[in-house]
Amino acid sequence: MAVLTDPRTARVRSVRSLTGRPARSRHGRFLAEGPQAVREAVAAHAAGPRPVVLELYVTEDAAQRHAEIVTGALEHGVRTWTVTDAVLAAMTDTVTPQGLVAVCPTTTADLGDVLAARPRLVALLDRVRDPGNAGTVLRAADAAGADAVVLTAGSVDVFNPKCVRSTAGSLFHLPVVVGVPLTEAVRALQGAGCAVLAADGAGALDLDDLADAAATGAGAPVDLTAPTAWLFGNEAAGLDDTGRSASDAVVRVPLHGRAESLNLATAAVVCLYASARAQRRGR
């Protein structure tokens, strides 16, 4: 492995620039930081068929603690550098870097390809702006077994460093579609056989009632065992009229205590897992 010791070099500045959206857009690259994200990136790279990791930077301590990550990267042709702590700190915007930084291509999925695979569970995010929220929803979608995540035009850059960190490696596990107009995404999902359910606190349907109906086989306005795309709106403004009217139904997560509402990421976890459980039972 080559060695980098000077934090002022052009290479270090180039890597650091990827913490900003202009450089990510210009170069088509982003940063994955820390052992969890880098481990999943290297695993995806090894699985092929397209490169997932272009460069890897690792401190000596991290190389010893996570030898399997470095070995996997080297075995699959990833250019790898040993760096000092100062160099790694200069490459990222993280207060406490965790010893590994990977440079990855900003590859996203095509909505048509996702729908051609006949997805059964999709998370659709409309104008979600907070990178931590978007990353957490993506991680929850992965954990619930969703087939894809779609972010509409006006949503946060999914390759924002905070968003990438929040996915904890799930960004490398499932297709992510970006930049699709909301109405186009909804119609395409419906055309592929997915019922689009808008999650909204003022929804006419109660998620608990739908889950009970799915468990007992009772009739309900919405069948949670069927292919479903959950639509989640902006953190502050929620869903707009376009999202509500385009959806097949508007569903509320019931609040049994005194909380005024659930935040976006928490509501997404509840909805996605309700569908995942119903679909598993239905099969």
Protein backbone atom coordinates (compact mmCIF):
# COMPACT_ATOMS: atom_id res chain seq x y z
CA MET A 1 0.00 0.00 0.00
CA ALA A 2 1.14 3.54 -0.74
CA VAL A 3 1.56 5.92 2.20
CA LEU A 4 0.18 9.46 2.64
CA THR A 5 1.57 11.59 5.46
CA ASP A 6 1.01 15.18 4.31
CA PRO A 7 -2.55 16.53 4.83
CA ARG A 8 -1.87 19.44 2.44
CA THR A 9 -1.48 17.41 -0.75
CA ALA A 10 -3.74 17.76 -3.78
CA ARG A 11 -5.02 14.21 -3.30
CA VAL A 12 -6.16 14.96 0.24
CA ARG A 13 -7.86 18.18 -0.90
CA SER A 14 -9.55 16.30 -3.73
CA VAL A 15 -10.98 13.71 -1.35
CA ARG A 16 -12.07 16.41 1.09
CA SER A 17 -13.92 18.26 -1.68
CA LEU A 18 -16.32 15.31 -1.96
CA THR A 19 -17.89 16.35 1.33
CA GLY A 20 -19.53 19.11 -0.75
CA ARG A 21 -22.29 18.57 -3.30
CA PRO A 22 -20.66 20.54 -6.17
CA ALA A 23 -17.60 18.26 -6.21
CA ARG A 24 -19.74 15.13 -5.86
CA SER A 25 -21.84 16.22 -8.84
CA ARG A 26 -18.79 17.21 -10.89
CA HIS A 27 -16.78 14.04 -10.27
CA GLY A 28 -19.55 11.50 -9.73
CA ARG A 29 -17.99 10.34 -6.48
CA PHE A 30 -18.81 10.36 -2.76
CA LEU A 31 -17.29 9.29 0.56
CA ALA A 32 -18.17 6.31 2.72
CA GLU A 33 -16.65 6.64 6.19
CA GLY A 34 -16.10 4.27 9.08
CA PRO A 35 -15.77 0.48 9.31
CA GLN A 36 -19.46 -0.39 8.88
CA ALA A 37 -20.05 1.63 5.72
CA VAL A 38 -16.69 0.73 4.20
CA ARG A 39 -17.14 -2.97 5.02
CA GLU A 40 -20.46 -3.04 3.16
CA ALA A 41 -19.02 -1.05 0.26
CA VAL A 42 -16.11 -3.46 -0.13
CA ALA A 43 -18.48 -6.45 0.08
CA ALA A 44 -20.65 -4.95 -2.66
CA HIS A 45 -17.55 -4.24 -4.73
CA ALA A 46 -16.40 -7.85 -4.37
CA ALA A 47 -19.84 -9.12 -5.41
CA GLY A 48 -19.66 -7.10 -8.67
CA PRO A 49 -20.37 -6.58 -11.46
CA ARG A 50 -19.64 -2.83 -11.28
CA PRO A 51 -16.98 -1.08 -9.18
CA VAL A 52 -18.33 0.16 -5.87
CA VAL A 53 -15.07 1.29 -4.23
CA LEU A 54 -12.58 3.32 -6.26
CA GLU A 55 -10.09 4.23 -3.53
CA LEU A 56 -9.56 3.30 0.11
CA TYR A 57 -7.69 5.31 2.76
CA VAL A 58 -6.95 3.66 6.11
CA THR A 59 -4.86 4.46 9.17
CA GLU A 60 -2.36 1.89 10.44
CA ASP A 61 -4.43 1.26 13.55
CA ALA A 62 -7.63 0.74 11.56
CA ALA A 63 -5.80 -1.53 9.11
CA GLN A 64 -4.89 -3.81 12.01
CA ARG A 65 -8.33 -3.71 13.64
CA HIS A 66 -10.19 -4.23 10.37
CA ALA A 67 -7.72 -6.32 8.43
CA GLU A 68 -10.50 -8.22 6.64
CA ILE A 69 -11.78 -5.01 5.05
CA VAL A 70 -8.35 -3.99 3.78
CA THR A 71 -7.58 -7.50 2.58
CA GLY A 72 -10.88 -7.69 0.72
CA ALA A 73 -10.25 -4.34 -0.95
CA LEU A 74 -6.74 -5.28 -2.05
CA GLU A 75 -7.84 -8.69 -3.32
CA HIS A 76 -10.40 -7.02 -5.57
CA GLY A 77 -8.11 -4.38 -7.02
CA VAL A 78 -9.05 -1.33 -4.94
CA ARG A 79 -6.25 1.26 -4.81
CA THR A 80 -5.44 1.54 -1.11
CA TRP A 81 -3.36 4.04 0.87
CA THR A 82 -2.15 3.98 4.46
CA VAL A 83 -2.65 7.45 5.95
CA THR A 84 -1.86 9.24 9.16
CA ASP A 85 -4.60 10.38 11.54
CA ALA A 86 -3.98 13.95 10.43
CA VAL A 87 -4.46 13.07 6.78
CA LEU A 88 -7.69 11.19 7.48
CA ALA A 89 -9.02 14.09 9.55
CA ALA A 90 -8.25 16.46 6.69
CA MET A 91 -10.18 14.25 4.26
CA THR A 92 -13.52 14.23 6.08
CA ASP A 93 -15.93 16.54 7.85
CA THR A 94 -16.30 14.10 10.75
CA VAL A 95 -15.22 15.28 14.19
CA THR A 96 -13.94 11.83 15.12
CA PRO A 97 -12.97 9.85 11.99
CA GLN A 98 -13.05 6.07 12.47
CA GLY A 99 -9.95 5.16 10.52
CA LEU A 100 -11.34 4.30 7.08
CA VAL A 101 -12.58 6.37 4.15
CA ALA A 102 -13.65 4.94 0.80
CA VAL A 103 -14.21 6.91 -2.38
CA CYS A 104 -17.19 5.45 -4.27
CA PRO A 105 -19.01 6.24 -7.53
CA THR A 106 -22.40 7.97 -7.19
CA THR A 107 -24.30 5.20 -8.90
CA THR A 108 -28.09 5.25 -8.64
CA ALA A 109 -30.78 2.93 -9.94
CA ASP A 110 -33.24 3.49 -12.78
CA LEU A 111 -36.90 3.46 -11.76
CA GLY A 112 -37.82 1.36 -14.78
CA ASP A 113 -35.30 -1.31 -13.82
CA VAL A 114 -36.60 -1.34 -10.25
CA LEU A 115 -40.20 -1.78 -11.40
CA ALA A 116 -39.27 -4.46 -13.92
CA ALA A 117 -38.21 -6.60 -10.95
CA ARG A 118 -41.79 -6.41 -9.58
CA PRO A 119 -41.02 -4.97 -6.14
CA ARG A 120 -43.25 -5.82 -3.20
CA LEU A 121 -42.13 -3.10 -0.79
CA VAL A 122 -40.79 0.36 -1.65
CA ALA A 123 -40.11 3.51 0.38
CA LEU A 124 -40.93 6.72 -1.52
CA LEU A 125 -39.57 9.94 0.00
CA ASP A 126 -41.00 13.24 -1.20
CA ARG A 127 -39.01 16.43 -0.52
CA VAL A 128 -37.26 14.90 2.49
CA ARG A 129 -34.49 17.41 3.23
CA ASP A 130 -32.70 16.20 6.34
CA PRO A 131 -29.81 13.85 5.48
CA GLY A 132 -30.04 12.05 8.81
CA ASN A 133 -33.73 11.32 8.28
CA ALA A 134 -33.23 10.14 4.71
CA GLY A 135 -30.37 7.86 5.72
CA THR A 136 -32.32 6.41 8.62
CA VAL A 137 -35.33 5.67 6.40
CA LEU A 138 -33.05 3.99 3.88
CA ARG A 139 -31.55 1.87 6.65
CA ALA A 140 -35.03 0.98 7.95
CA ALA A 141 -36.18 0.06 4.44
CA ASP A 142 -33.19 -2.26 4.09
CA ALA A 143 -33.86 -3.83 7.49
CA ALA A 144 -37.55 -4.36 6.64
CA GLY A 145 -36.61 -6.13 3.42
CA ALA A 146 -37.76 -3.40 1.04
CA ASP A 147 -36.84 -3.77 -2.60
CA ALA A 148 -35.93 -0.12 -3.26
CA VAL A 149 -35.97 3.45 -2.02
CA VAL A 150 -37.08 6.30 -4.27
CA LEU A 151 -36.34 9.97 -3.51
CA THR A 152 -38.31 12.55 -5.47
CA ALA A 153 -36.92 15.70 -7.02
CA GLY A 154 -36.27 18.26 -4.30
CA SER A 155 -35.11 15.68 -1.76
CA VAL A 156 -31.72 15.66 -0.05
CA ASP A 157 -28.65 14.37 -1.86
CA VAL A 158 -28.47 10.74 -0.77
CA PHE A 159 -24.66 10.92 -1.06
CA ASN A 160 -24.38 13.68 1.55
CA PRO A 161 -21.82 12.44 4.12
CA LYS A 162 -24.33 12.59 6.99
CA CYS A 163 -26.88 10.68 4.94
CA VAL A 164 -24.32 8.03 4.00
CA ARG A 165 -23.29 7.63 7.65
CA SER A 166 -26.93 7.34 8.72
CA THR A 167 -27.52 4.44 6.35
CA ALA A 168 -24.84 2.41 8.21
CA GLY A 169 -23.94 0.62 4.99
CA SER A 170 -27.50 -0.01 3.77
CA LEU A 171 -26.86 2.38 0.88
CA PHE A 172 -24.91 -0.48 -0.69
CA HIS A 173 -27.63 -3.09 -0.18
CA LEU A 174 -30.64 -1.99 -2.21
CA PRO A 175 -31.45 0.10 -5.29
CA VAL A 176 -31.85 3.84 -4.69
CA VAL A 177 -33.63 5.98 -7.30
CA VAL A 178 -33.28 9.77 -7.14
CA GLY A 179 -34.70 12.86 -8.78
CA VAL A 180 -38.05 11.48 -9.97
CA PRO A 181 -41.06 13.87 -9.97
CA LEU A 182 -43.60 12.73 -7.38
CA THR A 183 -46.56 12.18 -9.71
CA GLU A 184 -44.37 10.26 -12.16
CA ALA A 185 -43.06 8.01 -9.39
CA VAL A 186 -46.54 7.34 -7.98
CA ARG A 187 -48.03 6.49 -11.37
CA ALA A 188 -45.11 4.25 -12.26
CA LEU A 189 -45.36 2.35 -8.97
CA GLN A 190 -49.11 1.94 -9.36
CA GLY A 191 -48.59 0.74 -12.91
CA ALA A 192 -46.19 -1.90 -11.60
CA GLY A 193 -48.84 -3.23 -9.22
CA CYS A 194 -47.92 -1.40 -6.02
CA ALA A 195 -50.58 0.29 -3.92
CA VAL A 196 -49.20 3.70 -2.90
CA LEU A 197 -50.01 4.43 0.74
CA ALA A 198 -49.36 7.95 1.98
CA ALA A 199 -48.33 8.11 5.63
CA ASP A 200 -50.02 11.10 7.25
CA GLY A 201 -51.17 11.85 10.77
CA ALA A 202 -54.57 12.96 9.46
CA GLY A 203 -55.11 9.85 7.35
CA ALA A 204 -58.58 8.32 7.20
CA LEU A 205 -57.26 4.78 7.70
CA ASP A 206 -55.63 3.47 10.88
CA LEU A 207 -52.47 1.39 10.43
CA ASP A 208 -53.34 -0.85 13.39
CA ASP A 209 -56.72 -1.68 11.83
CA LEU A 210 -55.07 -2.55 8.52
CA ALA A 211 -52.49 -4.73 10.28
CA ASP A 212 -55.22 -6.54 12.24
CA ALA A 213 -57.17 -7.17 9.05
CA ALA A 214 -54.08 -8.55 7.33
CA ALA A 215 -53.43 -10.87 10.28
CA THR A 216 -56.97 -12.26 10.43
CA GLY A 217 -57.83 -12.25 6.76
CA ALA A 218 -60.69 -9.85 7.34
CA GLY A 219 -61.66 -7.43 4.61
CA ALA A 220 -60.08 -3.96 4.66
CA PRO A 221 -59.88 -0.97 2.32
CA VAL A 222 -56.14 -1.68 1.95
CA ASP A 223 -54.45 -5.08 1.86
CA LEU A 224 -51.07 -4.86 3.57
CA THR A 225 -50.11 -8.28 2.23
CA ALA A 226 -50.11 -6.90 -1.33
CA PRO A 227 -47.20 -5.04 -2.99
CA THR A 228 -46.96 -1.61 -1.39
CA ALA A 229 -45.07 1.65 -1.76
CA TRP A 230 -45.13 3.86 1.33
CA LEU A 231 -45.02 7.59 0.63
CA PHE A 232 -43.40 9.83 3.26
CA GLY A 233 -43.45 13.62 3.01
CA ASN A 234 -41.31 16.54 4.06
CA GLU A 235 -40.24 16.72 7.72
CA ALA A 236 -41.85 20.12 8.40
CA ALA A 237 -44.60 20.47 5.80
CA GLY A 238 -45.60 16.82 5.56
CA LEU A 239 -47.38 15.60 2.45
CA ASP A 240 -48.85 18.12 0.06
CA ASP A 241 -52.23 17.79 -1.67
CA THR A 242 -50.55 16.29 -4.74
CA GLY A 243 -49.16 13.41 -2.74
CA ARG A 244 -52.40 12.74 -0.91
CA SER A 245 -54.60 12.84 -4.00
CA ALA A 246 -52.24 10.72 -6.11
CA SER A 247 -52.00 7.96 -3.49
CA ASP A 248 -54.37 5.03 -3.23
CA ALA A 249 -55.00 5.72 0.45
CA VAL A 250 -53.82 7.94 3.29
CA VAL A 251 -52.89 6.04 6.44
CA ARG A 252 -52.17 7.32 9.94
CA VAL A 253 -49.95 5.69 12.53
CA PRO A 254 -52.11 5.67 15.69
CA LEU A 255 -50.81 7.53 18.73
CA HIS A 256 -51.81 5.68 21.88
CA GLY A 257 -49.98 7.95 24.28
CA ARG A 258 -49.72 11.70 24.68
CA ALA A 259 -47.11 12.38 22.00
CA GLU A 260 -48.26 14.98 19.48
CA SER A 261 -46.73 13.13 16.52
CA LEU A 262 -43.94 10.84 15.33
CA ASN A 263 -40.95 12.11 13.43
CA LEU A 264 -40.48 11.04 9.84
CA ALA A 265 -37.95 8.29 10.42
CA THR A 266 -39.90 6.70 13.28
CA ALA A 267 -43.14 6.71 11.31
CA ALA A 268 -41.34 5.16 8.35
CA VAL A 269 -40.01 2.31 10.50
CA VAL A 270 -43.50 1.54 11.83
CA CYS A 271 -45.11 1.58 8.38
CA LEU A 272 -42.45 -0.42 6.60
CA TYR A 273 -42.39 -3.10 9.26
CA ALA A 274 -46.19 -3.35 9.28
CA SER A 275 -46.08 -4.14 5.57
CA ALA A 276 -43.09 -6.44 5.89
CA ARG A 277 -44.81 -8.49 8.60
CA ALA A 278 -48.09 -8.68 6.70
CA GLN A 279 -46.37 -9.70 3.48
CA ARG A 280 -44.36 -12.39 5.24
CA ARG A 281 -47.52 -13.77 6.79
CA GLY A 282 -49.32 -13.56 3.43
CA ARG A 283 -46.68 -15.68 1.76
